[in-house]
């Protein structure tokens, strides 16, 4: 194992996966995609976020993986569940009831045979407001605008600029405190996959074999956030709605492959 790690190919600290490793990552991401698709289909008013967490853990383990999030830096659950103005890292709770009209963000990961998959969806619970529908559409459009830029030779700034332009076109703001990331042997690994133009983070040139978790977080109001007393749950400072979508994406020789594509499960 030690000798194998020494032979790993890296570019600016970013691991380039080989064919066997990519196939395992496909399986890990497929598990995540399956769980999120099932949660999206089963959510209904009256359920609690703890109910959804228990379901996700059971399904991840049933498919031969372990929850990536549970125990990660002390996080107590298998999913992050965020309602409405909650932005990211929400802890599922027995008393947190999902209600009609809510925007529910569910983020989860699966660790399978040494590699992680990671993805997030925003779910409309019952009938939601036109404003919530538009925000949700903007977040999903921003994700796919970024993914469209994923190909060898392009840079993270190409991806970030496409996301930023999309979000600004809708008149919303991008959360800058939290970015996407590389994903593979570790849940979070280089590079930081930013969603806005910046010179403060390394502008990596993409190469085939890189695997990225791309995850724009879009707020209806201010981009600024704060963390609650539980030291995990992040909310918008102005209590405006927030939406997020995320995929695990492979850079291929000719472009990209969405490993966590829910339409394939």
Protein backbone atom coordinates (compact mmCIF):
# COMPACT_ATOMS: atom_id res chain seq x y z
CA UNK A 1 0.00 0.00 0.00
CA UNK A 2 2.80 2.43 0.91
CA UNK A 3 4.62 1.74 -2.36
CA UNK A 4 1.42 2.24 -4.36
CA UNK A 5 0.81 5.62 -2.74
CA UNK A 6 4.30 6.76 -3.70
CA UNK A 7 3.48 6.04 -7.36
CA UNK A 8 0.34 8.15 -7.41
CA UNK A 9 0.49 10.80 -10.10
CA UNK A 10 -0.26 14.32 -8.93
CA UNK A 11 -0.45 17.67 -10.70
CA UNK A 12 -0.13 20.70 -8.38
CA UNK A 13 -1.18 18.44 -5.51
CA UNK A 14 -4.23 17.08 -7.36
CA UNK A 15 -4.31 13.31 -7.76
CA UNK A 16 -4.82 11.90 -11.26
CA UNK A 17 -6.89 8.73 -10.99
CA UNK A 18 -6.27 5.68 -13.11
CA UNK A 19 -8.89 3.49 -14.79
CA UNK A 20 -9.33 1.09 -11.85
CA UNK A 21 -9.67 3.94 -9.36
CA UNK A 22 -12.15 5.75 -11.56
CA UNK A 23 -14.32 2.65 -11.79
CA UNK A 24 -14.47 2.43 -8.00
CA UNK A 25 -15.38 6.11 -7.84
CA UNK A 26 -18.20 5.46 -10.32
CA UNK A 27 -19.58 2.89 -7.91
CA UNK A 28 -19.22 5.20 -4.88
CA UNK A 29 -20.90 8.08 -6.68
CA UNK A 30 -23.64 5.79 -8.00
CA UNK A 31 -24.47 4.80 -4.43
CA UNK A 32 -24.78 8.48 -3.51
CA UNK A 33 -26.91 9.18 -6.57
CA UNK A 34 -29.22 6.28 -5.72
CA UNK A 35 -29.71 7.44 -2.13
CA UNK A 36 -30.42 11.04 -3.14
CA UNK A 37 -32.86 9.96 -5.85
CA UNK A 38 -34.72 7.78 -3.36
CA UNK A 39 -34.83 10.53 -0.74
CA UNK A 40 -36.12 12.99 -3.33
CA UNK A 41 -38.93 10.58 -4.18
CA UNK A 42 -39.91 9.76 -0.60
CA UNK A 43 -39.77 13.16 1.15
CA UNK A 44 -43.17 14.36 2.28
CA UNK A 45 -44.49 16.85 4.82
CA UNK A 46 -44.43 15.53 8.37
CA UNK A 47 -41.16 13.62 8.06
CA UNK A 48 -38.20 14.73 10.13
CA UNK A 49 -34.68 15.29 8.91
CA UNK A 50 -33.62 12.57 11.36
CA UNK A 51 -35.93 10.16 9.50
CA UNK A 52 -34.14 11.00 6.26
CA UNK A 53 -30.74 10.58 7.88
CA UNK A 54 -31.62 7.12 9.19
CA UNK A 55 -32.89 6.09 5.77
CA UNK A 56 -29.73 7.35 4.03
CA UNK A 57 -27.41 5.52 6.40
CA UNK A 58 -29.34 2.28 6.04
CA UNK A 59 -29.29 2.46 2.24
CA UNK A 60 -25.60 3.42 2.00
CA UNK A 61 -24.62 0.47 4.19
CA UNK A 62 -26.96 -1.89 2.34
CA UNK A 63 -25.07 -1.12 -0.87
CA UNK A 64 -21.75 -2.07 0.69
CA UNK A 65 -20.45 1.40 1.54
CA UNK A 66 -20.15 3.50 4.67
CA UNK A 67 -21.43 7.07 5.15
CA UNK A 68 -18.62 9.51 4.34
CA UNK A 69 -20.00 12.24 6.57
CA UNK A 70 -20.68 10.34 9.78
CA UNK A 71 -17.85 11.05 12.21
CA UNK A 72 -16.05 13.34 9.74
CA UNK A 73 -14.41 15.94 12.00
CA UNK A 74 -17.06 14.90 14.53
CA UNK A 75 -20.13 15.41 12.34
CA UNK A 76 -22.87 13.25 13.92
CA UNK A 77 -24.93 12.17 10.90
CA UNK A 78 -24.86 10.58 7.44
CA UNK A 79 -26.47 13.51 5.63
CA UNK A 80 -26.40 17.26 5.91
CA UNK A 81 -30.01 18.47 5.93
CA UNK A 82 -30.73 22.19 5.50
CA UNK A 83 -34.14 23.85 5.36
CA UNK A 84 -34.88 27.17 3.67
CA UNK A 85 -32.38 29.75 4.98
CA UNK A 86 -30.00 27.07 6.26
CA UNK A 87 -27.05 27.01 3.88
CA UNK A 88 -24.84 24.00 4.56
CA UNK A 89 -23.79 21.42 7.20
CA UNK A 90 -27.22 21.19 8.82
CA UNK A 91 -27.43 18.47 11.47
CA UNK A 92 -30.54 16.25 11.06
CA UNK A 93 -32.82 16.43 14.09
CA UNK A 94 -35.75 14.44 15.44
CA UNK A 95 -37.68 17.65 16.07
CA UNK A 96 -36.93 19.23 12.69
CA UNK A 97 -40.11 18.53 10.72
CA UNK A 98 -40.23 18.99 6.96
CA UNK A 99 -43.26 21.04 5.91
CA UNK A 100 -45.01 21.76 2.63
CA UNK A 101 -43.41 24.76 0.92
CA UNK A 102 -39.93 24.07 2.31
CA UNK A 103 -36.72 24.05 0.31
CA UNK A 104 -34.77 21.07 1.61
CA UNK A 105 -31.09 20.58 0.82
CA UNK A 106 -29.75 17.05 1.29
CA UNK A 107 -26.01 16.44 0.93
CA UNK A 108 -24.44 13.02 1.42
CA UNK A 109 -21.39 10.93 0.63
CA UNK A 110 -20.48 7.25 0.40
CA UNK A 111 -17.09 5.64 1.04
CA UNK A 112 -16.67 2.53 -1.08
CA UNK A 113 -13.52 0.41 -1.45
CA UNK A 114 -11.25 3.30 -0.54
CA UNK A 115 -12.92 6.14 -2.45
CA UNK A 116 -15.66 8.70 -1.81
CA UNK A 117 -18.61 9.96 -3.85
CA UNK A 118 -20.30 13.23 -2.88
CA UNK A 119 -23.46 14.97 -4.09
CA UNK A 120 -26.21 17.36 -2.99
CA UNK A 121 -29.73 18.13 -4.18
CA UNK A 122 -32.32 20.74 -3.30
CA UNK A 123 -35.82 19.31 -2.97
CA UNK A 124 -39.09 21.20 -3.29
CA UNK A 125 -41.35 19.85 -0.56
CA UNK A 126 -44.87 19.97 -1.97
CA UNK A 127 -45.85 23.23 -3.64
CA UNK A 128 -43.22 25.92 -3.16
CA UNK A 129 -43.36 29.64 -3.92
CA UNK A 130 -42.40 31.00 -7.37
CA UNK A 131 -39.45 32.74 -5.71
CA UNK A 132 -38.22 29.46 -4.25
CA UNK A 133 -38.69 27.72 -7.61
CA UNK A 134 -36.61 30.37 -9.35
CA UNK A 135 -33.81 30.16 -6.78
CA UNK A 136 -33.74 26.39 -7.05
CA UNK A 137 -33.58 26.60 -10.85
CA UNK A 138 -30.73 29.11 -10.65
CA UNK A 139 -28.64 26.89 -8.37
CA UNK A 140 -29.08 23.89 -10.65
CA UNK A 141 -28.35 25.96 -13.76
CA UNK A 142 -25.19 27.30 -12.12
CA UNK A 143 -23.98 23.77 -11.38
CA UNK A 144 -24.41 22.69 -14.99
CA UNK A 145 -22.87 25.92 -16.30
CA UNK A 146 -19.77 25.05 -14.30
CA UNK A 147 -19.77 21.40 -15.35
CA UNK A 148 -19.95 22.47 -19.00
CA UNK A 149 -16.51 24.05 -18.57
CA UNK A 150 -14.92 20.84 -17.28
CA UNK A 151 -12.49 19.53 -19.90
CA UNK A 152 -8.73 19.13 -20.23
CA UNK A 153 -6.96 22.44 -20.72
CA UNK A 154 -9.62 24.55 -19.08
CA UNK A 155 -8.96 26.00 -15.64
CA UNK A 156 -10.86 26.34 -12.41
CA UNK A 157 -11.35 30.02 -13.25
CA UNK A 158 -13.19 29.00 -16.42
CA UNK A 159 -15.53 26.90 -14.29
CA UNK A 160 -15.89 29.58 -11.61
CA UNK A 161 -16.58 32.35 -14.09
CA UNK A 162 -19.36 30.36 -15.75
CA UNK A 163 -21.00 29.72 -12.38
CA UNK A 164 -20.66 33.34 -11.28
CA UNK A 165 -22.07 34.70 -14.53
CA UNK A 166 -25.04 32.35 -14.33
CA UNK A 167 -25.88 33.29 -10.75
CA UNK A 168 -25.46 37.02 -11.37
CA UNK A 169 -27.71 36.70 -14.39
CA UNK A 170 -30.48 35.58 -12.06
CA UNK A 171 -29.73 38.43 -9.65
CA UNK A 172 -28.64 36.18 -6.79
CA UNK A 173 -25.43 35.87 -4.77
CA UNK A 174 -22.84 33.08 -4.49
CA UNK A 175 -21.72 31.96 -1.06
CA UNK A 176 -17.95 32.49 -1.03
CA UNK A 177 -17.20 31.03 2.40
CA UNK A 178 -17.67 27.45 1.15
CA UNK A 179 -16.36 25.97 -2.09
CA UNK A 180 -16.30 22.69 -3.93
CA UNK A 181 -13.26 20.45 -3.71
CA UNK A 182 -11.38 17.53 -5.08
CA UNK A 183 -12.77 14.18 -4.01
CA UNK A 184 -11.36 10.65 -4.10
CA UNK A 185 -9.37 8.83 -1.45
CA UNK A 186 -10.37 11.70 0.85
CA UNK A 187 -13.74 13.36 1.10
CA UNK A 188 -12.03 16.74 0.73
CA UNK A 189 -8.75 16.96 -1.13
CA UNK A 190 -7.07 19.45 -3.50
CA UNK A 191 -8.07 21.51 -5.38
CA UNK A 192 -10.52 24.03 -3.95
CA UNK A 193 -13.22 24.29 -6.63
CA UNK A 194 -14.37 27.89 -6.27
CA UNK A 195 -17.62 29.30 -7.65
CA UNK A 196 -16.55 32.91 -8.23
CA UNK A 197 -13.65 34.68 -9.88
CA UNK A 198 -10.72 35.02 -7.51
CA UNK A 199 -6.95 35.17 -7.52
CA UNK A 200 -6.75 34.05 -3.90
CA UNK A 201 -7.00 30.31 -4.70
CA UNK A 202 -4.81 28.19 -7.02
CA UNK A 203 -6.09 28.26 -10.61
CA UNK A 204 -5.44 24.64 -11.54
CA UNK A 205 -5.49 23.56 -15.20
CA UNK A 206 -7.76 20.54 -15.55
CA UNK A 207 -6.37 17.20 -16.71
CA UNK A 208 -8.02 13.87 -17.47
CA UNK A 209 -8.30 11.73 -14.34
CA UNK A 210 -9.07 14.59 -11.94
CA UNK A 211 -12.25 14.16 -9.91
CA UNK A 212 -14.05 17.22 -8.58
CA UNK A 213 -17.02 17.90 -6.33
CA UNK A 214 -18.60 20.99 -7.89
CA UNK A 215 -21.16 22.66 -5.60
CA UNK A 216 -22.37 26.23 -6.05
CA UNK A 217 -24.42 27.53 -3.11
CA UNK A 218 -26.80 30.30 -4.16
CA UNK A 219 -28.53 32.77 -1.85
CA UNK A 220 -31.57 34.85 -2.69
CA UNK A 221 -30.17 37.71 -0.60
CA UNK A 222 -26.76 38.41 0.91
CA UNK A 223 -23.81 36.11 0.23
CA UNK A 224 -22.84 36.33 3.90
CA UNK A 225 -23.45 33.51 6.37
CA UNK A 226 -23.07 32.68 10.04
CA UNK A 227 -22.68 29.44 11.98
CA UNK A 228 -25.17 28.48 14.69
CA UNK A 229 -24.30 27.44 18.23
CA UNK A 230 -24.19 23.77 17.24
CA UNK A 231 -20.94 24.75 15.43
CA UNK A 232 -22.09 23.05 12.24
CA UNK A 233 -25.29 24.51 10.80
CA UNK A 234 -24.63 27.54 8.58
CA UNK A 235 -27.44 30.01 7.82
CA UNK A 236 -27.87 33.16 5.74
CA UNK A 237 -27.35 36.31 7.80
CA UNK A 238 -30.53 37.89 6.42
CA UNK A 239 -32.65 34.69 6.63
CA UNK A 240 -33.08 34.69 2.86
CA UNK A 241 -33.51 31.36 1.09
CA UNK A 242 -30.51 29.32 -0.04
CA UNK A 243 -30.24 26.50 -2.61
CA UNK A 244 -27.47 24.11 -3.58
CA UNK A 245 -26.71 21.36 -6.08
CA UNK A 246 -23.53 19.28 -6.26
CA UNK A 247 -22.09 16.52 -8.44
CA UNK A 248 -18.95 14.44 -8.40
CA UNK A 249 -17.43 15.01 -11.85
CA UNK A 250 -14.59 13.24 -13.65
CA UNK A 251 -12.38 15.07 -16.15
CA UNK A 252 -12.13 12.78 -19.19
CA UNK A 253 -9.86 12.89 -22.24
CA UNK A 254 -12.59 14.62 -24.25
CA UNK A 255 -14.57 16.50 -21.59
CA UNK A 256 -16.27 15.25 -18.46
CA UNK A 257 -18.44 12.55 -16.92
CA UNK A 258 -20.95 13.22 -14.13
CA UNK A 259 -20.31 10.28 -11.82
CA UNK A 260 -23.23 11.10 -9.49
CA UNK A 261 -25.79 11.44 -12.30
CA UNK A 262 -29.17 10.50 -10.77
CA UNK A 263 -30.71 9.86 -14.19
CA UNK A 264 -28.52 6.78 -14.56
CA UNK A 265 -29.74 4.98 -11.42
